[in-house]
Amino acid sequence: MLPTDATAQKPANTERVYQVKRADLPLSCPTPEMRLWNSHPRVYLPIEAEGGTSTCPYCGAKYELVD
């Protein structure tokens, strides 16, 4: 069954740079809003320890902490 508009999820790994806020931490790729079935295993990224930017080792998506 496909999700309805109210529960629709973003496709995983479709952008190369994602901006995240501290409220989104802990950060994982793919994020909880993304579908997992067509992506890689979830990995948690240490964005704060890496100075506010982090890159997923699986897909290369870059995450930037914006606040």
C-alpha atoms as a PDB file:
ATOM      1  CA  MET A   1       0.000   0.000   0.000  1.00  0.00           C
ATOM      2  CA  LEU A   2       1.399   3.399  -0.975  1.00  0.00           C
ATOM      3  CA  PRO A   3       1.369   6.220   1.574  1.00  0.00           C
ATOM      4  CA  THR A   4      -1.261   8.922   1.274  1.00  0.00           C
ATOM      5  CA  ASP A   5      -0.319  12.591   0.986  1.00  0.00           C
ATOM      6  CA  ALA A   6      -0.692  12.969   4.748  1.00  0.00           C
ATOM      7  CA  THR A   7       1.898  10.251   5.434  1.00  0.00           C
ATOM      8  CA  ALA A   8       4.015  10.503   2.286  1.00  0.00           C
ATOM      9  CA  GLN A   9       7.753  10.266   2.753  1.00  0.00           C
ATOM     10  CA  LYS A  10      10.483  11.944   0.765  1.00  0.00           C
ATOM     11  CA  PRO A  11      12.520   9.711  -1.521  1.00  0.00           C
ATOM     12  CA  ALA A  12      15.879   8.848  -0.006  1.00  0.00           C
ATOM     13  CA  ASN A  13      19.139  10.277  -1.265  1.00  0.00           C
ATOM     14  CA  THR A  14      17.678  12.532  -3.962  1.00  0.00           C
ATOM     15  CA  GLU A  15      19.578  15.672  -2.982  1.00  0.00           C
ATOM     16  CA  ARG A  16      23.307  16.136  -2.585  1.00  0.00           C
ATOM     17  CA  VAL A  17      23.189  18.702   0.260  1.00  0.00           C
ATOM     18  CA  TYR A  18      20.695  18.690   3.118  1.00  0.00           C
ATOM     19  CA  GLN A  19      20.365  21.428   5.726  1.00  0.00           C
ATOM     20  CA  VAL A  20      19.465  20.224   9.209  1.00  0.00           C
ATOM     21  CA  LYS A  21      18.758  21.949  12.515  1.00  0.00           C
ATOM     22  CA  ARG A  22      19.764  20.966  16.028  1.00  0.00           C
ATOM     23  CA  ALA A  23      16.158  19.871  16.600  1.00  0.00           C
ATOM     24  CA  ASP A  24      16.789  17.166  13.944  1.00  0.00           C
ATOM     25  CA  LEU A  25      19.642  15.586  15.928  1.00  0.00           C
ATOM     26  CA  PRO A  26      20.713  12.855  16.266  1.00  0.00           C
ATOM     27  CA  LEU A  27      21.287  12.913  12.528  1.00  0.00           C
ATOM     28  CA  SER A  28      20.929   9.783  10.451  1.00  0.00           C
ATOM     29  CA  CYS A  29      21.127   9.099   6.740  1.00  0.00           C
ATOM     30  CA  PRO A  30      18.619   8.403   5.436  1.00  0.00           C
ATOM     31  CA  THR A  31      16.631  10.700   7.709  1.00  0.00           C
ATOM     32  CA  PRO A  32      13.422   9.470   9.372  1.00  0.00           C
ATOM     33  CA  GLU A  33      11.350  11.302   6.724  1.00  0.00           C
ATOM     34  CA  MET A  34      12.951   9.303   3.908  1.00  0.00           C
ATOM     35  CA  ARG A  35      11.852   5.938   2.615  1.00  0.00           C
ATOM     36  CA  LEU A  36      14.273   3.165   3.517  1.00  0.00           C
ATOM     37  CA  TRP A  37      13.298   0.441   1.093  1.00  0.00           C
ATOM     38  CA  ASN A  38      15.237   1.981  -1.808  1.00  0.00           C
ATOM     39  CA  SER A  39      18.226   3.261   0.121  1.00  0.00           C
ATOM     40  CA  HIS A  40      21.198   2.090   2.152  1.00  0.00           C
ATOM     41  CA  PRO A  41      21.198   1.000   5.808  1.00  0.00           C
ATOM     42  CA  ARG A  42      20.617   3.823   8.300  1.00  0.00           C
ATOM     43  CA  VAL A  43      23.863   5.316   9.596  1.00  0.00           C
ATOM     44  CA  TYR A  44      24.163   7.987  12.301  1.00  0.00           C
ATOM     45  CA  LEU A  45      26.402  10.930  11.462  1.00  0.00           C
ATOM     46  CA  PRO A  46      28.411  12.879  14.101  1.00  0.00           C
ATOM     47  CA  ILE A  47      27.686  16.296  12.576  1.00  0.00           C
ATOM     48  CA  GLU A  48      28.415  18.294  15.745  1.00  0.00           C
ATOM     49  CA  ALA A  49      31.760  16.570  16.304  1.00  0.00           C
ATOM     50  CA  GLU A  50      32.660  17.194  12.656  1.00  0.00           C
ATOM     51  CA  GLY A  51      32.273  20.973  12.912  1.00  0.00           C
ATOM     52  CA  GLY A  52      28.748  21.322  11.535  1.00  0.00           C
ATOM     53  CA  THR A  53      29.077  19.346   8.315  1.00  0.00           C
ATOM     54  CA  SER A  54      28.980  15.625   7.753  1.00  0.00           C
ATOM     55  CA  THR A  55      29.019  13.345   4.717  1.00  0.00           C
ATOM     56  CA  CYS A  56      27.284   9.987   4.489  1.00  0.00           C
ATOM     57  CA  PRO A  57      29.811   7.209   3.828  1.00  0.00           C
ATOM     58  CA  TYR A  58      27.228   5.217   1.838  1.00  0.00           C
ATOM     59  CA  CYS A  59      25.688   7.709  -0.577  1.00  0.00           C
ATOM     60  CA  GLY A  60      27.886  10.799  -0.274  1.00  0.00           C
ATOM     61  CA  ALA A  61      25.023  13.101   0.760  1.00  0.00           C
ATOM     62  CA  LYS A  62      26.328  16.145   2.601  1.00  0.00           C
ATOM     63  CA  TYR A  63      24.557  17.505   5.676  1.00  0.00           C
ATOM     64  CA  GLU A  64      25.017  21.043   7.012  1.00  0.00           C
ATOM     65  CA  LEU A  65      23.981  22.176  10.476  1.00  0.00           C
ATOM     66  CA  VAL A  66      22.264  25.551  10.044  1.00  0.00           C
ATOM     67  CA  ASP A  67      21.558  26.644  13.634  1.00  0.00           C
END
